[in-house]
Amino acid sequence: MKKRILVTGGSGRFGTVLKKLKSNYEMLFPSKTILDITNLRSIQKYIKLKKPNIVIHLAGLSRPMNIHDYQIQKSIDLNIIGTCNITKACSEKNIKLIYFSTSYVYPGTKGNYMETDSLLPVNNYSWSKLGGECAVQLYKNSLILRLCMTEKPFVHKAAFYDVKNSFMYHDEVAKILLKLLNIKGILNVGGKSQSVYNFAKIENPKVKKIFLKKNKKIKMPINSSINIDKLKRILKIK
């Protein structure tokens, strides 16, 4: 019998990519009206009905990033309380939980962050994701992925030249994900360390070069690149 994977947030940007991926698993993508992460009873009811072996928790609030500054309650409800509810429901049935966090939980000053490095989010979005991590950390049958990913093609017409991270496209992450289902703990997932501009121009040579230092209102880490040595060892990549 195929393993059954429940995916929350299946209608989001990454969820739509994951739906297209061929696998040997039975993938469930309930709408938020069927499975409401802010309602513990809703989650429990769906899990009892479908009996998933694994839950991949994507659902939450992300963009625009400044929405977490002026809709704090929504940010808390979806990214923190919603994740707490998912964790509670999984722990009741001992279901493996995979939580999608972000590389922005690191301080974002020096780059090359390892999973064991200290955390200090630079904006409310990353604080809300770290809030979710706190619940998942309590549940040992779990995997926290600190991701650095984006849509393909790159959605913006301009990219920061003075900001470094470890972007990887959604489709690349989707292919990796199914190889990580049995891993537990915390894992950085992303590509090589480079400027956002250099990453974007590979697919779009016409992308414009801009600078974060000239856009001081934007709360973004200057270097949130991650160390992916652990990921490479798991995937047996040299």
Protein backbone atom coordinates (compact mmCIF):
# COMPACT_ATOMS: atom_id res chain seq x y z
CA MET A 1 0.00 0.00 0.00
CA LYS A 2 1.30 3.43 -0.95
CA LYS A 3 2.37 5.80 1.79
CA ARG A 4 -0.06 8.68 2.09
CA ILE A 5 1.25 12.23 2.36
CA LEU A 6 -0.95 15.10 3.50
CA VAL A 7 0.18 18.50 2.16
CA THR A 8 -1.21 21.65 3.75
CA GLY A 9 -1.15 24.80 1.65
CA GLY A 10 -1.34 22.87 -1.59
CA SER A 11 -2.78 25.82 -3.50
CA GLY A 12 0.26 27.99 -2.74
CA ARG A 13 3.23 28.64 -5.00
CA PHE A 14 5.27 25.63 -3.92
CA GLY A 15 2.22 23.40 -3.48
CA THR A 16 1.22 23.85 -7.13
CA VAL A 17 4.71 22.72 -8.17
CA LEU A 18 4.55 19.72 -5.84
CA LYS A 19 1.22 18.64 -7.35
CA LYS A 20 2.89 18.18 -10.74
CA LEU A 21 5.61 15.95 -9.34
CA LYS A 22 5.32 12.26 -10.16
CA SER A 23 5.95 9.99 -7.18
CA ASN A 24 5.14 6.61 -5.67
CA TYR A 25 3.21 8.30 -2.86
CA GLU A 26 -0.45 9.12 -2.56
CA MET A 27 -0.49 12.90 -2.16
CA LEU A 28 -3.43 14.69 -0.53
CA PHE A 29 -3.91 18.42 -1.11
CA PRO A 30 -7.00 19.52 0.85
CA SER A 31 -8.28 23.07 0.39
CA LYS A 32 -8.25 25.40 3.39
CA THR A 33 -12.03 25.12 3.62
CA ILE A 34 -11.67 21.37 4.16
CA LEU A 35 -8.62 21.56 6.41
CA ASP A 36 -8.37 24.82 8.37
CA ILE A 37 -4.99 25.00 10.14
CA THR A 38 -6.34 27.60 12.59
CA ASN A 39 -8.90 25.03 13.79
CA LEU A 40 -7.40 22.05 15.60
CA ARG A 41 -10.64 20.07 15.35
CA SER A 42 -10.65 20.52 11.57
CA ILE A 43 -7.13 19.06 11.34
CA GLN A 44 -7.92 16.18 13.67
CA LYS A 45 -11.06 15.32 11.73
CA TYR A 46 -9.23 15.24 8.38
CA ILE A 47 -6.35 13.19 9.76
CA LYS A 48 -8.76 10.67 11.29
CA LEU A 49 -10.52 10.35 7.93
CA LYS A 50 -7.48 10.11 5.64
CA LYS A 51 -4.89 8.53 7.99
CA PRO A 52 -1.75 10.07 6.43
CA ASN A 53 1.70 8.67 7.18
CA ILE A 54 3.42 12.02 6.67
CA VAL A 55 2.30 15.65 6.87
CA ILE A 56 4.15 18.28 4.84
CA HIS A 57 3.18 21.62 6.31
CA LEU A 58 3.38 24.41 3.73
CA ALA A 59 0.32 26.45 4.68
CA GLY A 60 0.89 29.91 6.09
CA LEU A 61 1.25 33.60 5.35
CA SER A 62 4.24 34.78 3.36
CA ARG A 63 4.06 37.56 0.76
CA PRO A 64 4.05 40.46 0.59
CA MET A 65 6.59 40.34 3.39
CA ASN A 66 5.42 43.60 4.95
CA ILE A 67 1.96 42.11 5.51
CA HIS A 68 3.44 40.68 8.71
CA ASP A 69 3.98 44.24 9.95
CA TYR A 70 0.41 45.49 9.55
CA GLN A 71 -1.55 42.22 9.85
CA ILE A 72 0.14 40.82 12.94
CA GLN A 73 -2.88 38.82 14.10
CA LYS A 74 -3.14 37.04 10.76
CA SER A 75 0.59 36.31 10.82
CA ILE A 76 0.33 34.85 14.32
CA ASP A 77 -2.82 32.84 13.54
CA LEU A 78 -1.48 31.23 10.36
CA ASN A 79 2.26 30.88 10.90
CA ILE A 80 2.44 30.29 14.64
CA ILE A 81 -0.91 29.03 15.94
CA GLY A 82 -1.61 27.14 12.71
CA THR A 83 1.73 25.34 12.95
CA CYS A 84 1.12 24.61 16.64
CA ASN A 85 -2.20 23.00 15.72
CA ILE A 86 -0.61 20.88 12.99
CA THR A 87 2.09 19.77 15.42
CA LYS A 88 -0.46 18.85 18.08
CA ALA A 89 -2.51 16.81 15.62
CA CYS A 90 0.56 14.97 14.30
CA SER A 91 1.85 14.23 17.80
CA GLU A 92 -1.49 12.66 18.78
CA LYS A 93 -1.12 10.05 16.01
CA ASN A 94 2.70 9.94 15.84
CA ILE A 95 2.64 11.15 12.23
CA LYS A 96 5.89 12.36 10.69
CA LEU A 97 5.80 16.14 10.29
CA ILE A 98 7.86 18.11 7.78
CA TYR A 99 7.71 21.87 8.37
CA PHE A 100 8.74 24.45 5.79
CA SER A 101 10.61 27.24 7.58
CA THR A 102 12.97 29.82 6.09
CA SER A 103 16.67 30.68 6.01
CA TYR A 104 15.62 34.15 7.16
CA VAL A 105 15.53 32.87 10.76
CA TYR A 106 19.32 33.34 10.78
CA PRO A 107 20.77 36.81 11.56
CA GLY A 108 21.62 37.41 7.89
CA THR A 109 24.89 39.28 8.44
CA LYS A 110 27.77 36.86 7.78
CA GLY A 111 26.22 34.10 5.65
CA ASN A 112 27.16 30.42 5.38
CA TYR A 113 24.86 29.61 8.29
CA MET A 114 24.84 26.06 9.64
CA GLU A 115 21.81 24.40 11.22
CA THR A 116 23.44 24.75 14.66
CA ASP A 117 24.12 28.50 14.39
CA SER A 118 22.32 31.06 16.52
CA LEU A 119 19.05 32.49 15.24
CA LEU A 120 17.93 36.12 15.06
CA PRO A 121 15.21 36.96 12.52
CA VAL A 122 15.38 40.38 10.88
CA ASN A 123 11.67 40.87 10.15
CA ASN A 124 8.23 39.83 11.35
CA TYR A 125 7.83 37.20 8.63
CA SER A 126 10.87 35.29 9.82
CA TRP A 127 9.87 35.74 13.47
CA SER A 128 6.51 34.14 12.64
CA LYS A 129 8.24 31.20 10.96
CA LEU A 130 10.56 30.80 13.94
CA GLY A 131 7.48 30.82 16.15
CA GLY A 132 6.24 27.84 14.19
CA GLU A 133 9.62 26.15 14.55
CA CYS A 134 9.35 26.35 18.35
CA ALA A 135 6.29 24.08 18.32
CA VAL A 136 7.77 21.63 15.81
CA GLN A 137 11.02 21.39 17.82
CA LEU A 138 9.04 19.95 20.74
CA TYR A 139 7.89 17.05 18.54
CA LYS A 140 10.78 14.71 17.77
CA ASN A 141 9.12 12.88 14.87
CA SER A 142 9.67 15.92 12.69
CA LEU A 143 11.90 17.63 10.16
CA ILE A 144 12.34 21.40 9.96
CA LEU A 145 13.52 22.59 6.56
CA ARG A 146 15.12 26.04 6.56
CA LEU A 147 14.60 26.84 2.93
CA CYS A 148 15.87 29.43 0.51
CA MET A 149 13.71 29.07 -2.59
CA THR A 150 11.80 31.07 -5.16
CA GLU A 151 9.57 30.73 -8.21
CA LYS A 152 10.82 29.95 -11.68
CA PRO A 153 11.12 32.11 -13.64
CA PHE A 154 12.35 34.81 -11.25
CA VAL A 155 9.28 37.00 -10.76
CA HIS A 156 10.94 40.41 -10.35
CA LYS A 157 12.32 42.69 -13.05
CA ALA A 158 15.15 43.81 -10.74
CA ALA A 159 17.35 41.97 -8.23
CA PHE A 160 19.64 43.04 -5.41
CA TYR A 161 23.33 43.00 -6.27
CA ASP A 162 24.42 43.57 -2.66
CA VAL A 163 22.28 40.84 -1.10
CA LYS A 164 23.53 37.26 -0.88
CA ASN A 165 21.49 34.15 -0.27
CA SER A 166 21.23 30.56 -1.46
CA PHE A 167 18.23 30.60 -3.77
CA MET A 168 16.98 27.41 -5.39
CA TYR A 169 13.95 27.16 -7.65
CA HIS A 170 10.75 25.49 -6.43
CA ASP A 171 10.95 22.63 -8.91
CA GLU A 172 14.45 21.74 -7.70
CA VAL A 173 13.31 21.71 -4.07
CA ALA A 174 10.30 19.53 -4.96
CA LYS A 175 12.58 16.88 -6.44
CA ILE A 176 14.80 16.92 -3.34
CA LEU A 177 11.90 16.82 -0.89
CA LEU A 178 10.88 13.23 -1.59
CA LYS A 179 14.43 12.13 -0.72
CA LEU A 180 14.18 13.71 2.72
CA LEU A 181 11.00 12.11 4.02
CA ASN A 182 12.82 9.86 6.50
CA ILE A 183 15.16 12.56 7.84
CA LYS A 184 14.54 14.15 11.24
CA GLY A 185 15.86 17.28 12.92
CA ILE A 186 16.77 20.51 11.14
CA LEU A 187 18.10 20.84 7.61
CA ASN A 188 19.14 23.75 5.43
CA VAL A 189 17.88 23.46 1.86
CA GLY A 190 19.01 25.77 -0.92
CA GLY A 191 21.55 26.33 -3.67
CA LYS A 192 24.98 27.88 -3.80
CA SER A 193 25.78 31.17 -2.09
CA GLN A 194 25.59 34.11 -4.51
CA SER A 195 24.02 37.52 -4.96
CA VAL A 196 20.33 37.60 -5.81
CA TYR A 197 21.26 39.46 -9.00
CA ASN A 198 23.72 36.77 -10.13
CA PHE A 199 21.13 34.08 -9.43
CA ALA A 200 18.38 35.88 -11.34
CA LYS A 201 20.42 36.78 -14.40
CA ILE A 202 21.13 33.11 -15.19
CA GLU A 203 17.52 32.74 -16.34
CA ASN A 204 16.94 36.41 -17.18
CA PRO A 205 20.00 38.23 -18.56
CA LYS A 206 17.92 41.44 -18.76
CA VAL A 207 17.20 41.62 -15.02
CA LYS A 208 18.10 45.04 -13.58
CA LYS A 209 20.68 45.51 -10.85
CA ILE A 210 19.51 47.29 -7.68
CA PHE A 211 21.00 47.80 -4.22
CA LEU A 212 19.53 47.14 -0.79
CA LYS A 213 21.61 49.96 0.73
CA LYS A 214 19.57 52.38 -1.39
CA ASN A 215 16.29 50.81 -0.24
CA LYS A 216 16.60 51.14 3.54
CA LYS A 217 12.87 50.70 4.13
CA ILE A 218 13.11 47.06 3.04
CA LYS A 219 13.80 44.76 5.97
CA MET A 220 15.92 42.09 4.34
CA PRO A 221 19.09 40.35 5.56
CA ILE A 222 22.22 41.35 3.68
CA ASN A 223 23.68 37.81 3.68
CA SER A 224 21.38 34.93 4.64
CA SER A 225 23.27 32.32 2.61
CA ILE A 226 23.24 28.87 4.15
CA ASN A 227 25.69 26.04 4.54
CA ILE A 228 24.26 23.01 2.72
CA ASP A 229 26.99 20.47 3.57
CA LYS A 230 24.53 18.40 5.62
CA LEU A 231 22.08 18.32 2.70
CA LYS A 232 24.85 17.24 0.33
CA ARG A 233 25.84 14.39 2.65
CA ILE A 234 22.24 13.16 2.82
CA LEU A 235 21.83 13.36 -0.96
CA LYS A 236 25.37 11.99 -1.46
CA ILE A 237 26.40 14.98 -3.56
CA LYS A 238 30.09 15.80 -3.69
